[in-house]
Protein backbone atom coordinates (compact mmCIF):
# COMPACT_ATOMS: atom_id res chain seq x y z
CA UNK A 1 -55.12 266.22 228.27
CA UNK A 2 -59.09 266.04 227.36
CA UNK A 3 -60.77 262.97 228.78
CA UNK A 4 -62.09 260.44 226.30
CA UNK A 5 -65.56 258.30 226.47
CA UNK A 6 -65.24 255.16 225.10
CA UNK A 7 -68.08 252.50 225.60
CA UNK A 8 -67.30 248.52 225.96
CA UNK A 9 -69.61 245.49 225.06
CA UNK A 10 -68.44 242.62 226.68
CA UNK A 11 -69.91 239.01 227.52
CA UNK A 12 -68.10 236.72 229.93
CA UNK A 13 -68.76 233.96 232.88
CA UNK A 14 -70.52 232.08 230.46
CA UNK A 15 -72.35 229.57 232.84
CA UNK A 16 -76.15 227.33 233.17
CA UNK A 17 -77.36 229.00 229.87
CA UNK A 18 -76.59 232.48 231.54
CA UNK A 19 -74.42 235.60 230.58
CA UNK A 20 -73.09 238.79 232.38
CA UNK A 21 -73.52 241.63 230.28
CA UNK A 22 -71.22 244.23 231.09
CA UNK A 23 -71.43 247.33 229.60
CA UNK A 24 -68.15 249.86 230.45
CA UNK A 25 -68.73 253.97 229.58
CA UNK A 26 -65.86 255.68 231.61
CA UNK A 27 -63.43 258.38 230.95
CA UNK A 28 -60.25 257.20 230.18
CA UNK A 29 -57.30 259.16 231.31
CA UNK A 30 -53.79 258.25 230.50
CA UNK A 31 -54.94 254.99 229.38
CA UNK A 32 -56.76 254.31 233.20
CA UNK A 33 -60.03 252.28 233.14
CA UNK A 34 -61.82 252.90 236.77
CA UNK A 35 -64.89 251.89 237.01
CA UNK A 36 -68.02 249.70 235.83
CA UNK A 37 -70.66 251.69 234.81
CA UNK A 38 -73.66 248.94 234.76
CA UNK A 39 -73.91 244.93 235.17
CA UNK A 40 -76.71 242.57 234.18
CA UNK A 41 -77.41 238.71 233.75
CA UNK A 42 -78.62 238.48 230.39
CA UNK A 43 -80.42 234.81 229.32
CA UNK A 44 -78.27 233.17 226.15
CA UNK A 45 -79.75 233.22 223.07
CA UNK A 46 -78.13 229.45 222.30
CA UNK A 47 -79.11 227.14 225.53
CA UNK A 48 -78.58 223.21 225.36
CA UNK A 49 -81.20 221.21 224.42
CA UNK A 50 -82.44 219.39 227.27
CA UNK A 51 -85.66 218.23 225.91
CA UNK A 52 -84.74 214.46 225.85
CA UNK A 53 -82.87 214.60 228.72
CA UNK A 54 -84.60 211.62 230.65
CA UNK A 55 -84.43 209.32 227.47
CA UNK A 56 -80.49 210.41 226.96
CA UNK A 57 -79.90 209.34 230.82
CA UNK A 58 -81.50 206.25 230.15
CA UNK A 59 -79.82 205.42 226.83
CA UNK A 60 -76.35 206.07 229.05
CA UNK A 61 -77.61 204.02 231.82
CA UNK A 62 -78.34 201.28 229.90
CA UNK A 63 -75.28 201.33 227.67
CA UNK A 64 -72.95 201.72 230.38
CA UNK A 65 -74.07 199.11 232.51
CA UNK A 66 -74.29 196.85 229.23
CA UNK A 67 -70.31 197.64 228.12
CA UNK A 68 -68.86 197.63 232.42
CA UNK A 69 -68.14 201.10 232.11
CA UNK A 70 -68.91 204.52 234.47
CA UNK A 71 -72.48 206.50 233.38
CA UNK A 72 -71.53 209.39 235.16
CA UNK A 73 -67.94 209.63 233.24
CA UNK A 74 -70.29 209.18 230.05
CA UNK A 75 -72.48 211.91 231.22
CA UNK A 76 -69.60 214.62 232.22
CA UNK A 77 -67.65 213.88 228.83
CA UNK A 78 -70.92 214.80 226.69
CA UNK A 79 -71.98 217.42 228.87
CA UNK A 80 -68.39 219.06 228.40
CA UNK A 81 -68.51 218.29 224.42
CA UNK A 82 -72.58 219.22 223.85
CA UNK A 83 -73.98 220.16 226.47
CA UNK A 84 -76.54 217.42 225.90
CA UNK A 85 -77.36 219.03 222.34
CA UNK A 86 -77.69 215.84 220.07
CA UNK A 87 -77.61 218.24 217.14
CA UNK A 88 -74.88 219.98 217.94
CA UNK A 89 -71.92 220.60 214.97
CA UNK A 90 -68.80 221.90 215.54
CA UNK A 91 -67.51 222.77 212.02
CA UNK A 92 -64.10 224.21 213.16
CA UNK A 93 -62.73 220.71 213.54
CA UNK A 94 -61.44 218.87 210.50
CA UNK A 95 -63.02 216.46 208.38
CA UNK A 96 -66.14 218.20 208.01
CA UNK A 97 -66.47 219.10 211.92
CA UNK A 98 -67.34 216.82 214.93
CA UNK A 99 -70.76 215.99 215.26
CA UNK A 100 -73.67 214.93 217.97
CA UNK A 101 -73.74 214.31 221.84
CA UNK A 102 -70.31 213.10 222.02
CA UNK A 103 -68.76 215.46 218.92
CA UNK A 104 -67.53 212.56 217.28
CA UNK A 105 -65.38 213.10 213.77
CA UNK A 106 -67.76 211.25 210.91
CA UNK A 107 -64.61 208.31 210.06
CA UNK A 108 -64.06 207.51 214.12
CA UNK A 109 -68.06 207.49 214.42
CA UNK A 110 -68.21 204.89 211.03
CA UNK A 111 -65.28 202.91 211.99
CA UNK A 112 -65.90 202.08 215.74
CA UNK A 113 -69.71 201.69 215.24
CA UNK A 114 -68.57 199.28 212.64
CA UNK A 115 -66.60 197.45 215.15
CA UNK A 116 -70.24 196.53 216.90
CA UNK A 117 -72.35 196.46 214.41
CA UNK A 118 -74.20 199.63 214.61
CA UNK A 119 -75.80 200.83 211.82
CA UNK A 120 -77.45 203.98 212.62
CA UNK A 121 -76.16 206.78 211.36
CA UNK A 122 -73.62 210.07 213.44
CA UNK A 123 -76.77 211.80 214.35
CA UNK A 124 -78.92 208.86 216.03
CA UNK A 125 -78.10 209.84 219.98
CA UNK A 126 -78.74 206.63 220.81
CA UNK A 127 -76.23 204.83 218.45
CA UNK A 128 -73.62 207.82 219.97
CA UNK A 129 -74.12 206.81 223.64
CA UNK A 130 -73.87 202.95 222.40
CA UNK A 131 -70.90 203.82 220.23
CA UNK A 132 -69.34 205.98 223.15
CA UNK A 133 -69.62 203.22 225.53
CA UNK A 134 -67.98 200.78 223.62
CA UNK A 135 -65.03 203.25 222.83
CA UNK A 136 -64.55 203.61 226.98
CA UNK A 137 -65.25 200.04 227.18
CA UNK A 138 -61.78 199.91 225.16
CA UNK A 139 -59.68 202.47 226.91
CA UNK A 140 -60.59 205.06 223.88
CA UNK A 141 -61.58 207.68 226.57
CA UNK A 142 -58.46 209.64 225.68
CA UNK A 143 -60.39 210.89 222.39
CA UNK A 144 -62.21 213.05 223.73
CA UNK A 145 -60.73 216.23 224.75
CA UNK A 146 -63.30 216.45 227.62
CA UNK A 147 -62.21 213.39 229.19
CA UNK A 148 -58.93 215.32 230.66
CA UNK A 149 -61.01 218.00 231.86
C-alpha cells in the first residue's frame, strides 16, 4: 500500500483571545495518524470588546447593590454570554437573535424593562445591566444558560 499524504488544519483550545493553530501533515497508512508536525499559538481575529470594561464593572456594581444581587454572578454571566461585548449578537437564537452584554431576546428584554420603567433600548449597556440586576433580584437567573455553567 502506498502512503497517502494528508494536510489538516484545525483550531482548538480557544481561551483568552488566542487559539492554538495545528497543521497536521503526515503519511497515513491504514488510517493511522501518527504525529502532529507543527503547532503554534495565533491571535484570534475577533476579540471581546473590553474598551469600556471599567464603566461596565461600575454599572454592574451599582445595579447589583441597588437590587441586592451578586455583582460577581452578574459579571460571570455577562462574560459567559458576550465576553463583555456590548455589541454582541447571536443570530442563531430564535426571535431575531440574542443581543448585547447579557444576550437578551428582544421580547424578554422589552417585558422586563417595562416592569421597571426602563425605556432605553436593548443595545444600551447600562440599561441591560439594570434590567439584568432586576431579573436576578426576581430569581430569574435561570433564563441565562450561562447561569448554570
